[in-house]
Amino acid sequence: MATTSGSAQHILIQPLTLQQIHAIQENNRIAAVLPVSLEDVSNLSPEELADHLSLQLTDSDLLTDVQFERVGAQDENTVLMKVSGDVAMLLETLELLSEHGDGEDEEEDEDNE
């Protein structure tokens, strides 16, 4: 994936991986261009759309301060949205889950001895 600091250069068709998030984040913010159906833009409230875009960008609704703007059209039913947000809460949560998961593995190893 070609990137510049803080943003992805192409249209994302699947959520960013944790490694990609780390690679493109700048000051805990990421940005990328996503295809979004006009139906979603029309039918979701701004808060629901922000959550939907967070899921589309990171596979999580933990992206905060989500901002979005239309930057083009892909076809008659799909707009291109530049989506940005703060990943601090997402990264902290994943780190805590990772640490907790590592602790459980150690406990299981001790139980098996």
Protein backbone atom coordinates (compact mmCIF):
# COMPACT_ATOMS: atom_id res chain seq x y z
CA MET A 1 0.00 0.00 0.00
CA ALA A 2 1.46 3.34 -0.99
CA THR A 3 1.11 5.77 1.87
CA THR A 4 2.13 9.17 3.02
CA SER A 5 2.32 10.12 6.64
CA GLY A 6 -1.18 10.06 8.12
CA SER A 7 -3.07 8.94 5.01
CA ALA A 8 -3.54 6.16 2.52
CA GLN A 9 -3.15 7.02 -1.17
CA HIS A 10 -5.76 4.69 -2.68
CA ILE A 11 -9.38 3.71 -2.16
CA LEU A 12 -9.67 1.14 0.61
CA ILE A 13 -11.90 -1.82 -0.07
CA GLN A 14 -11.23 -3.58 3.24
CA PRO A 15 -10.39 -2.33 6.74
CA LEU A 16 -6.83 -1.40 7.60
CA THR A 17 -4.80 -3.94 9.54
CA LEU A 18 -3.20 -3.03 12.84
CA GLN A 19 0.17 -2.92 11.10
CA GLN A 20 -1.20 -0.54 8.43
CA ILE A 21 -2.76 1.69 11.11
CA HIS A 22 0.60 1.96 12.87
CA ALA A 23 2.35 2.67 9.57
CA ILE A 24 0.09 5.54 8.45
CA GLN A 25 -0.90 7.13 11.74
CA GLU A 26 0.46 10.55 12.55
CA ASN A 27 -0.28 12.15 15.93
CA ASN A 28 -2.75 9.29 16.54
CA ARG A 29 -4.77 10.19 13.40
CA ILE A 30 -5.32 8.19 10.25
CA ALA A 31 -7.08 9.08 7.01
CA ALA A 32 -8.11 7.16 3.93
CA VAL A 33 -10.57 7.30 1.05
CA LEU A 34 -13.46 4.84 1.26
CA PRO A 35 -16.30 3.98 -1.12
CA VAL A 36 -19.63 4.59 0.64
CA SER A 37 -23.06 3.75 -0.74
CA LEU A 38 -25.41 6.68 -1.27
CA GLU A 39 -28.00 4.65 0.66
CA ASP A 40 -25.78 4.70 3.77
CA VAL A 41 -25.08 8.42 3.40
CA SER A 42 -28.80 9.14 3.00
CA ASN A 43 -30.26 6.79 5.61
CA LEU A 44 -27.81 7.00 8.51
CA SER A 45 -27.64 9.83 11.03
CA PRO A 46 -24.26 11.61 11.22
CA GLU A 47 -23.37 9.61 14.36
CA GLU A 48 -24.40 6.30 12.76
CA LEU A 49 -22.48 7.19 9.59
CA ALA A 50 -19.37 8.00 11.66
CA ASP A 51 -19.60 4.57 13.36
CA HIS A 52 -20.18 2.87 10.00
CA LEU A 53 -17.15 4.61 8.50
CA SER A 54 -15.05 3.72 11.55
CA LEU A 55 -15.96 0.05 11.04
CA GLN A 56 -15.21 0.29 7.34
CA LEU A 57 -11.82 1.94 7.98
CA THR A 58 -10.58 -0.01 11.03
CA ASP A 59 -12.98 -2.94 11.55
CA SER A 60 -13.81 -1.31 14.89
CA ASP A 61 -16.12 1.40 16.18
CA LEU A 62 -13.36 2.67 18.50
CA LEU A 63 -12.13 5.33 16.06
CA THR A 64 -12.90 8.68 17.70
CA ASP A 65 -13.27 12.22 16.36
CA VAL A 66 -14.35 10.76 13.01
CA GLN A 67 -14.45 13.36 10.27
CA PHE A 68 -15.51 12.76 6.68
CA GLU A 69 -15.95 14.64 3.46
CA ARG A 70 -17.04 13.69 -0.03
CA VAL A 71 -14.09 13.72 -2.42
CA GLY A 72 -15.63 12.14 -5.52
CA ALA A 73 -17.92 9.52 -6.94
CA GLN A 74 -17.11 5.95 -7.82
CA ASP A 75 -20.36 5.30 -9.70
CA GLU A 76 -23.98 6.44 -9.60
CA ASN A 77 -24.60 4.63 -6.27
CA THR A 78 -21.26 5.13 -4.52
CA VAL A 79 -19.48 8.25 -3.30
CA LEU A 80 -15.85 8.44 -2.26
CA MET A 81 -15.37 9.80 1.24
CA LYS A 82 -12.12 10.89 2.84
CA VAL A 83 -12.46 9.58 6.38
CA SER A 84 -10.14 10.49 9.22
CA GLY A 85 -10.13 9.79 12.92
CA ASP A 86 -8.17 9.40 16.11
CA VAL A 87 -6.86 5.88 16.74
CA ALA A 88 -5.61 6.37 20.31
CA MET A 89 -8.57 4.58 21.97
CA LEU A 90 -8.46 1.80 19.39
CA LEU A 91 -4.73 1.20 19.87
CA GLU A 92 -5.00 1.36 23.68
CA THR A 93 -7.85 -1.16 23.66
CA LEU A 94 -6.01 -3.54 21.34
CA GLU A 95 -2.89 -3.25 23.50
CA LEU A 96 -4.88 -4.04 26.66
CA LEU A 97 -6.57 -7.01 24.96
CA SER A 98 -3.20 -8.25 23.76
CA GLU A 99 -1.70 -7.96 27.25
CA HIS A 100 -4.73 -9.67 28.78
CA GLY A 101 -4.55 -12.43 26.18
CA ASP A 102 -0.85 -12.94 26.88
CA GLY A 103 -1.58 -13.22 30.60
CA GLU A 104 -4.21 -15.90 29.98
CA ASP A 105 -1.74 -17.91 27.89
CA GLU A 106 0.80 -17.78 30.72
CA GLU A 107 -1.84 -18.90 33.24
CA GLU A 108 -2.83 -21.83 31.02
CA ASP A 109 0.83 -22.84 30.68
CA GLU A 110 1.24 -22.78 34.47
CA ASP A 111 -1.95 -24.87 34.93
CA ASN A 112 -0.61 -27.48 32.49
CA GLU A 113 2.67 -27.92 34.38
